[in-house]
Amino acid sequence: MTQPSPSPVLLTVRGTLAPRDLEAARTLHNDTAGSAQGIAAARSLGDLSHKAYAPLPLEGISRAKAGELLFIDTWLTPEGIGQFFGNPEIGKSAGAMFTARDATVWMPARGAFTYHLPAPMAKTERYVGMIRGPVASPEAAIEIFAAAVRRAQPDARRRGHLSHELYVKLPLPGTQGPLELLGVDRWCSLEGLREHYTDASAMSGFGGAFSGPAEPTVWQQAPGAWNEW
């Protein structure tokens, strides 16, 4: 389950901002990694998608903190990620963006129940709900998630759920660490997201999926004109 798959991989970069606010961070991003040159370099190495998200610190639902920023990218290969961030200029811009950051590569969880549904035309807002934690057995956790998500899917969709994806942490060569699972949900309604994540019945089926404390976070599309692709 921890062997790399031929599918594209997910890169999450979550960090505490060095710039004074999101607008200053947006300007820095668009002038460096999000510049025309930076975008061309990332794409040439296999970066298919790059999105920026601001935290929503919702009590009891999300542990995302004010002053943080999240990037979610989809890359063709982990090797492309390594080449991109091996560029000293990219490392320099990352250092200017964050005082502390966690960059993690995730591969799709094989056998997981995932889906993508279209958003209603009038629903233009976008939110991301994530849950990350250690697992003793990815296979067992995947089965627990599949059963729970299937059972609650009709209610989730009614509340504005757009997609569900499940990933397993891809260990870096030569490193050892706990197995981790990442669940990623996308929503078009913050009200619906709140309703679902506070619904004890909808959330009850996930017990036992994680072997230790898991961290839930909620994010919104970062405001302003971020250079994304």
C-alpha atoms as a PDB file:
ATOM      1  CA  MET A   1       0.000   0.000   0.000  1.00  0.00           C
ATOM      2  CA  THR A   2       2.969   2.337   0.501  1.00  0.00           C
ATOM      3  CA  GLN A   3       4.564   1.571  -2.857  1.00  0.00           C
ATOM      4  CA  PRO A   4       4.352   4.409  -5.405  1.00  0.00           C
ATOM      5  CA  SER A   5       1.504   4.130  -7.885  1.00  0.00           C
ATOM      6  CA  PRO A   6       1.539   5.140 -11.555  1.00  0.00           C
ATOM      7  CA  SER A   7      -1.229   7.680 -10.866  1.00  0.00           C
ATOM      8  CA  PRO A   8      -0.503  11.394 -10.368  1.00  0.00           C
ATOM      9  CA  VAL A   9       0.389  12.326  -6.799  1.00  0.00           C
ATOM     10  CA  LEU A  10      -0.850  15.091  -4.508  1.00  0.00           C
ATOM     11  CA  LEU A  11       1.442  17.651  -2.909  1.00  0.00           C
ATOM     12  CA  THR A  12       0.192  19.601   0.105  1.00  0.00           C
ATOM     13  CA  VAL A  13       2.222  22.520   1.423  1.00  0.00           C
ATOM     14  CA  ARG A  14       0.829  24.011   4.621  1.00  0.00           C
ATOM     15  CA  GLY A  15       2.677  26.720   6.469  1.00  0.00           C
ATOM     16  CA  THR A  16       2.710  29.786   8.679  1.00  0.00           C
ATOM     17  CA  LEU A  17       3.053  32.931   6.617  1.00  0.00           C
ATOM     18  CA  ALA A  18       6.066  35.207   6.839  1.00  0.00           C
ATOM     19  CA  PRO A  19       4.360  38.113   5.000  1.00  0.00           C
ATOM     20  CA  ARG A  20       2.140  40.332   7.149  1.00  0.00           C
ATOM     21  CA  ASP A  21      -1.134  39.225   5.511  1.00  0.00           C
ATOM     22  CA  LEU A  22      -2.645  37.173   2.687  1.00  0.00           C
ATOM     23  CA  GLU A  23      -2.460  40.052   0.218  1.00  0.00           C
ATOM     24  CA  ALA A  24       1.269  40.433   0.781  1.00  0.00           C
ATOM     25  CA  ALA A  25       1.629  36.656   0.432  1.00  0.00           C
ATOM     26  CA  ARG A  26      -0.345  36.742  -2.821  1.00  0.00           C
ATOM     27  CA  THR A  27       1.941  39.405  -4.257  1.00  0.00           C
ATOM     28  CA  LEU A  28       5.045  37.443  -3.250  1.00  0.00           C
ATOM     29  CA  HIS A  29       3.619  34.236  -4.712  1.00  0.00           C
ATOM     30  CA  ASN A  30       2.681  35.836  -8.021  1.00  0.00           C
ATOM     31  CA  ASP A  31       6.136  37.399  -8.326  1.00  0.00           C
ATOM     32  CA  THR A  32       8.043  34.145  -7.624  1.00  0.00           C
ATOM     33  CA  ALA A  33       6.700  30.578  -7.940  1.00  0.00           C
ATOM     34  CA  GLY A  34       3.476  31.918  -9.468  1.00  0.00           C
ATOM     35  CA  SER A  35       5.219  34.081 -12.054  1.00  0.00           C
ATOM     36  CA  ALA A  36       5.061  33.175 -15.739  1.00  0.00           C
ATOM     37  CA  GLN A  37       8.568  31.731 -15.502  1.00  0.00           C
ATOM     38  CA  GLY A  38       7.759  29.795 -12.334  1.00  0.00           C
ATOM     39  CA  ILE A  39       4.552  28.379 -13.784  1.00  0.00           C
ATOM     40  CA  ALA A  40       6.343  27.299 -16.961  1.00  0.00           C
ATOM     41  CA  ALA A  41       9.051  25.578 -14.909  1.00  0.00           C
ATOM     42  CA  ALA A  42       6.504  23.748 -12.736  1.00  0.00           C
ATOM     43  CA  ARG A  43       4.463  22.628 -15.720  1.00  0.00           C
ATOM     44  CA  SER A  44       7.548  21.412 -17.565  1.00  0.00           C
ATOM     45  CA  LEU A  45       8.279  19.093 -14.630  1.00  0.00           C
ATOM     46  CA  GLY A  46       4.723  17.729 -14.399  1.00  0.00           C
ATOM     47  CA  ASP A  47       2.746  20.086 -12.150  1.00  0.00           C
ATOM     48  CA  LEU A  48      -0.797  19.683 -13.477  1.00  0.00           C
ATOM     49  CA  SER A  49      -2.691  21.832 -10.971  1.00  0.00           C
ATOM     50  CA  HIS A  50      -1.844  24.454  -8.347  1.00  0.00           C
ATOM     51  CA  LYS A  51      -4.372  25.965  -5.923  1.00  0.00           C
ATOM     52  CA  ALA A  52      -4.078  28.318  -2.949  1.00  0.00           C
ATOM     53  CA  TYR A  53      -6.331  28.125   0.127  1.00  0.00           C
ATOM     54  CA  ALA A  54      -6.822  30.303   3.195  1.00  0.00           C
ATOM     55  CA  PRO A  55      -7.671  28.812   6.620  1.00  0.00           C
ATOM     56  CA  LEU A  56     -11.122  28.622   8.147  1.00  0.00           C
ATOM     57  CA  PRO A  57     -10.585  28.121  11.903  1.00  0.00           C
ATOM     58  CA  LEU A  58     -14.049  26.786  12.723  1.00  0.00           C
ATOM     59  CA  GLU A  59     -14.411  25.769  16.363  1.00  0.00           C
ATOM     60  CA  GLY A  60     -14.941  22.044  16.761  1.00  0.00           C
ATOM     61  CA  ILE A  61     -14.513  21.434  13.020  1.00  0.00           C
ATOM     62  CA  SER A  62     -11.212  22.856  11.832  1.00  0.00           C
ATOM     63  CA  ARG A  63      -7.788  23.279  13.388  1.00  0.00           C
ATOM     64  CA  ALA A  64      -6.551  25.460  10.548  1.00  0.00           C
ATOM     65  CA  LYS A  65      -5.102  28.618  12.074  1.00  0.00           C
ATOM     66  CA  ALA A  66      -5.232  32.268  11.100  1.00  0.00           C
ATOM     67  CA  GLY A  67      -1.968  33.260   9.450  1.00  0.00           C
ATOM     68  CA  GLU A  68      -1.601  29.952   7.616  1.00  0.00           C
ATOM     69  CA  LEU A  69      -1.751  29.154   3.905  1.00  0.00           C
ATOM     70  CA  LEU A  70      -2.278  25.886   2.056  1.00  0.00           C
ATOM     71  CA  PHE A  71      -1.191  24.971  -1.453  1.00  0.00           C
ATOM     72  CA  ILE A  72      -2.569  21.826  -3.098  1.00  0.00           C
ATOM     73  CA  ASP A  73      -0.892  20.627  -6.287  1.00  0.00           C
ATOM     74  CA  THR A  74      -1.311  17.566  -8.487  1.00  0.00           C
ATOM     75  CA  TRP A  75       1.925  16.318 -10.022  1.00  0.00           C
ATOM     76  CA  LEU A  76       2.582  13.584 -12.558  1.00  0.00           C
ATOM     77  CA  THR A  77       5.460  12.125 -10.529  1.00  0.00           C
ATOM     78  CA  PRO A  78       7.237  12.611  -7.185  1.00  0.00           C
ATOM     79  CA  GLU A  79      10.484  13.020  -9.154  1.00  0.00           C
ATOM     80  CA  GLY A  80       9.135  16.186 -10.770  1.00  0.00           C
ATOM     81  CA  ILE A  81       8.384  17.624  -7.335  1.00  0.00           C
ATOM     82  CA  GLY A  82      11.931  16.913  -6.215  1.00  0.00           C
ATOM     83  CA  GLN A  83      13.409  18.583  -9.281  1.00  0.00           C
ATOM     84  CA  PHE A  84      11.213  21.659  -8.905  1.00  0.00           C
ATOM     85  CA  PHE A  85      11.952  22.238  -5.235  1.00  0.00           C
ATOM     86  CA  GLY A  86      15.603  21.416  -5.786  1.00  0.00           C
ATOM     87  CA  ASN A  87      15.882  24.717  -7.641  1.00  0.00           C
ATOM     88  CA  PRO A  88      17.615  27.185  -5.261  1.00  0.00           C
ATOM     89  CA  GLU A  89      15.373  30.045  -6.406  1.00  0.00           C
ATOM     90  CA  ILE A  90      12.239  28.070  -5.520  1.00  0.00           C
ATOM     91  CA  GLY A  91      13.702  27.222  -2.132  1.00  0.00           C
ATOM     92  CA  LYS A  92      14.470  30.900  -1.578  1.00  0.00           C
ATOM     93  CA  SER A  93      10.899  31.955  -2.420  1.00  0.00           C
ATOM     94  CA  ALA A  94       9.478  29.249  -0.128  1.00  0.00           C
ATOM     95  CA  GLY A  95      11.660  30.561   2.678  1.00  0.00           C
ATOM     96  CA  ALA A  96      10.326  34.063   2.099  1.00  0.00           C
ATOM     97  CA  MET A  97       6.731  32.797   2.081  1.00  0.00           C
ATOM     98  CA  PHE A  98       6.741  30.683   5.259  1.00  0.00           C
ATOM     99  CA  THR A  99       8.344  30.828   8.684  1.00  0.00           C
ATOM    100  CA  ALA A 100       7.478  27.129   9.056  1.00  0.00           C
ATOM    101  CA  ARG A 101       5.945  24.717   6.582  1.00  0.00           C
ATOM    102  CA  ASP A 102       5.056  21.082   6.041  1.00  0.00           C
ATOM    103  CA  ALA A 103       5.335  19.744   2.494  1.00  0.00           C
ATOM    104  CA  THR A 104       3.991  16.215   2.028  1.00  0.00           C
ATOM    105  CA  VAL A 105       3.559  14.020  -1.029  1.00  0.00           C
ATOM    106  CA  TRP A 106       0.530  11.723  -1.134  1.00  0.00           C
ATOM    107  CA  MET A 107      -0.400   8.901  -3.480  1.00  0.00           C
ATOM    108  CA  PRO A 108      -3.998   7.878  -4.208  1.00  0.00           C
ATOM    109  CA  ALA A 109      -5.142   5.157  -1.804  1.00  0.00           C
ATOM    110  CA  ARG A 110      -5.633   2.080  -3.930  1.00  0.00           C
ATOM    111  CA  GLY A 111      -9.070   0.545  -3.542  1.00  0.00           C
ATOM    112  CA  ALA A 112     -10.556   3.645  -1.919  1.00  0.00           C
ATOM    113  CA  PHE A 113     -14.116   4.782  -2.590  1.00  0.00           C
ATOM    114  CA  THR A 114     -13.771   8.171  -4.296  1.00  0.00           C
ATOM    115  CA  TYR A 115     -16.057  10.297  -6.427  1.00  0.00           C
ATOM    116  CA  HIS A 116     -16.389  13.661  -8.180  1.00  0.00           C
ATOM    117  CA  LEU A 117     -19.760  15.314  -8.794  1.00  0.00           C
ATOM    118  CA  PRO A 118     -20.488  18.514 -10.757  1.00  0.00           C
ATOM    119  CA  ALA A 119     -21.369  21.669  -8.882  1.00  0.00           C
ATOM    120  CA  PRO A 120     -24.763  23.308  -9.476  1.00  0.00           C
ATOM    121  CA  MET A 121     -24.341  26.342 -11.726  1.00  0.00           C
ATOM    122  CA  ALA A 122     -25.195  28.892  -9.025  1.00  0.00           C
ATOM    123  CA  LYS A 123     -22.826  27.370  -6.452  1.00  0.00           C
ATOM    124  CA  THR A 124     -19.536  29.138  -7.135  1.00  0.00           C
ATOM    125  CA  GLU A 125     -17.928  29.049  -3.661  1.00  0.00           C
ATOM    126  CA  ARG A 126     -15.284  26.404  -2.965  1.00  0.00           C
ATOM    127  CA  TYR A 127     -14.184  24.904   0.331  1.00  0.00           C
ATOM    128  CA  VAL A 128     -11.877  22.027   1.210  1.00  0.00           C
ATOM    129  CA  GLY A 129     -12.292  19.797   4.240  1.00  0.00           C
ATOM    130  CA  MET A 130      -9.305  17.632   5.155  1.00  0.00           C
ATOM    131  CA  ILE A 131      -8.579  14.984   7.773  1.00  0.00           C
ATOM    132  CA  ARG A 132      -5.033  13.741   8.343  1.00  0.00           C
ATOM    133  CA  GLY A 133      -3.799  11.167  10.812  1.00  0.00           C
ATOM    134  CA  PRO A 134      -1.723   8.042  11.461  1.00  0.00           C
ATOM    135  CA  VAL A 135      -3.033   4.603  10.544  1.00  0.00           C
ATOM    136  CA  ALA A 136      -1.917   1.150  11.616  1.00  0.00           C
ATOM    137  CA  SER A 137      -3.302  -0.439   8.450  1.00  0.00           C
ATOM    138  CA  PRO A 138      -4.077   1.604   5.323  1.00  0.00           C
ATOM    139  CA  GLU A 139      -6.194  -1.248   3.986  1.00  0.00           C
ATOM    140  CA  ALA A 140      -8.401  -1.328   7.085  1.00  0.00           C
ATOM    141  CA  ALA A 141      -8.705   2.462   7.173  1.00  0.00           C
ATOM    142  CA  ILE A 142      -9.668   2.548   3.483  1.00  0.00           C
ATOM    143  CA  GLU A 143     -12.474   0.050   4.146  1.00  0.00           C
ATOM    144  CA  ILE A 144     -13.759   2.086   7.095  1.00  0.00           C
ATOM    145  CA  PHE A 145     -13.757   5.294   5.041  1.00  0.00           C
ATOM    146  CA  ALA A 146     -15.499   3.582   2.119  1.00  0.00           C
ATOM    147  CA  ALA A 147     -18.355   2.294   4.274  1.00  0.00           C
ATOM    148  CA  ALA A 148     -18.815   5.594   6.120  1.00  0.00           C
ATOM    149  CA  VAL A 149     -18.656   7.816   3.025  1.00  0.00           C
ATOM    150  CA  ARG A 150     -21.054   5.604   1.040  1.00  0.00           C
ATOM    151  CA  ARG A 151     -23.575   5.612   3.871  1.00  0.00           C
ATOM    152  CA  ALA A 152     -23.541   9.388   4.276  1.00  0.00           C
ATOM    153  CA  GLN A 153     -23.147  10.289   0.601  1.00  0.00           C
ATOM    154  CA  PRO A 154     -26.787  11.278  -0.110  1.00  0.00           C
ATOM    155  CA  ASP A 155     -26.868  13.676   2.863  1.00  0.00           C
ATOM    156  CA  ALA A 156     -23.428  15.037   2.012  1.00  0.00           C
ATOM    157  CA  ARG A 157     -24.443  15.723  -1.582  1.00  0.00           C
ATOM    158  CA  ARG A 158     -27.627  17.470  -0.486  1.00  0.00           C
ATOM    159  CA  ARG A 159     -25.443  19.710   1.676  1.00  0.00           C
ATOM    160  CA  GLY A 160     -23.090  20.663  -1.155  1.00  0.00           C
ATOM    161  CA  HIS A 161     -20.470  17.921  -1.241  1.00  0.00           C
ATOM    162  CA  LEU A 162     -18.609  17.812  -4.566  1.00  0.00           C
ATOM    163  CA  SER A 163     -15.893  15.189  -4.182  1.00  0.00           C
ATOM    164  CA  HIS A 164     -14.132  12.764  -1.867  1.00  0.00           C
ATOM    165  CA  GLU A 165     -10.560  11.534  -2.275  1.00  0.00           C
ATOM    166  CA  LEU A 166      -8.308   9.442  -0.063  1.00  0.00           C
ATOM    167  CA  TYR A 167      -4.496   9.424  -0.066  1.00  0.00           C
ATOM    168  CA  VAL A 168      -1.656   7.594   1.660  1.00  0.00           C
ATOM    169  CA  LYS A 169       1.548   9.433   2.569  1.00  0.00           C
ATOM    170  CA  LEU A 170       4.389   8.643   0.200  1.00  0.00           C
ATOM    171  CA  PRO A 171       7.521   8.118   2.306  1.00  0.00           C
ATOM    172  CA  LEU A 172      10.646   9.880   1.159  1.00  0.00           C
ATOM    173  CA  PRO A 173      13.569   7.637   0.193  1.00  0.00           C
ATOM    174  CA  GLY A 174      15.709   6.778   3.195  1.00  0.00           C
ATOM    175  CA  THR A 175      13.186   8.017   5.743  1.00  0.00           C
ATOM    176  CA  GLN A 176      10.941   6.226   8.185  1.00  0.00           C
ATOM    177  CA  GLY A 177       7.810   7.476   9.831  1.00  0.00           C
ATOM    178  CA  PRO A 178       4.257   6.517  10.710  1.00  0.00           C
ATOM    179  CA  LEU A 179       1.847   5.605   7.941  1.00  0.00           C
ATOM    180  CA  GLU A 180      -0.574   8.467   7.402  1.00  0.00           C
ATOM    181  CA  LEU A 181      -3.892   8.829   5.633  1.00  0.00           C
ATOM    182  CA  LEU A 182      -5.327  12.028   4.137  1.00  0.00           C
ATOM    183  CA  GLY A 183      -8.997  12.521   3.304  1.00  0.00           C
ATOM    184  CA  VAL A 184      -9.859  15.452   1.021  1.00  0.00           C
ATOM    185  CA  ASP A 185     -13.438  16.665   0.524  1.00  0.00           C
ATOM    186  CA  ARG A 186     -14.484  19.564  -1.666  1.00  0.00           C
ATOM    187  CA  TRP A 187     -17.666  21.528  -1.028  1.00  0.00           C
ATOM    188  CA  CYS A 188     -19.651  24.339  -2.638  1.00  0.00           C
ATOM    189  CA  SER A 189     -21.502  25.345   0.552  1.00  0.00           C
ATOM    190  CA  LEU A 190     -19.925  26.376   3.849  1.00  0.00           C
ATOM    191  CA  GLU A 191     -23.269  26.054   5.600  1.00  0.00           C
ATOM    192  CA  GLY A 192     -23.631  22.511   4.269  1.00  0.00           C
ATOM    193  CA  LEU A 193     -20.070  21.654   5.272  1.00  0.00           C
ATOM    194  CA  ARG A 194     -20.719  22.850   8.820  1.00  0.00           C
ATOM    195  CA  GLU A 195     -23.962  20.891   8.997  1.00  0.00           C
ATOM    196  CA  HIS A 196     -22.357  17.683   7.781  1.00  0.00           C
ATOM    197  CA  TYR A 197     -19.221  17.795   9.903  1.00  0.00           C
ATOM    198  CA  THR A 198     -21.268  18.452  13.050  1.00  0.00           C
ATOM    199  CA  ASP A 199     -23.773  15.689  12.244  1.00  0.00           C
ATOM    200  CA  ALA A 200     -22.948  12.945  14.734  1.00  0.00           C
ATOM    201  CA  SER A 201     -24.677  10.329  12.591  1.00  0.00           C
ATOM    202  CA  ALA A 202     -22.686  11.249   9.467  1.00  0.00           C
ATOM    203  CA  MET A 203     -19.385  11.271  11.370  1.00  0.00           C
ATOM    204  CA  SER A 204     -19.929   8.181  13.505  1.00  0.00           C
ATOM    205  CA  GLY A 205     -18.775   5.644  10.928  1.00  0.00           C
ATOM    206  CA  PHE A 206     -15.121   6.753  10.909  1.00  0.00           C
ATOM    207  CA  GLY A 207     -14.254   5.394  14.346  1.00  0.00           C
ATOM    208  CA  GLY A 208     -11.200   3.168  14.273  1.00  0.00           C
ATOM    209  CA  ALA A 209      -9.834   4.469  10.981  1.00  0.00           C
ATOM    210  CA  PHE A 210      -6.920   6.232  12.670  1.00  0.00           C
ATOM    211  CA  SER A 211      -4.439   4.766  15.121  1.00  0.00           C
ATOM    212  CA  GLY A 212      -3.809   8.112  16.808  1.00  0.00           C
ATOM    213  CA  PRO A 213      -5.085  11.692  16.911  1.00  0.00           C
ATOM    214  CA  ALA A 214      -6.212  12.962  13.503  1.00  0.00           C
ATOM    215  CA  GLU A 215      -6.286  16.631  12.546  1.00  0.00           C
ATOM    216  CA  PRO A 216      -9.326  18.059  10.724  1.00  0.00           C
ATOM    217  CA  THR A 217      -8.929  21.326   8.842  1.00  0.00           C
ATOM    218  CA  VAL A 218     -11.172  23.434   6.612  1.00  0.00           C
ATOM    219  CA  TRP A 219      -9.953  25.844   3.941  1.00  0.00           C
ATOM    220  CA  GLN A 220     -11.484  28.308   1.517  1.00  0.00           C
ATOM    221  CA  GLN A 221     -10.376  29.554  -1.877  1.00  0.00           C
ATOM    222  CA  ALA A 222      -7.730  32.176  -1.099  1.00  0.00           C
ATOM    223  CA  PRO A 223      -9.117  35.674  -1.787  1.00  0.00           C
ATOM    224  CA  GLY A 224      -7.630  37.794  -4.521  1.00  0.00           C
ATOM    225  CA  ALA A 225      -6.109  37.045  -7.890  1.00  0.00           C
ATOM    226  CA  TRP A 226      -3.648  34.241  -7.144  1.00  0.00           C
ATOM    227  CA  ASN A 227      -1.856  32.860 -10.189  1.00  0.00           C
ATOM    228  CA  GLU A 228      -3.147  29.277 -10.318  1.00  0.00           C
ATOM    229  CA  TRP A 229      -3.390  26.624 -12.980  1.00  0.00           C
END
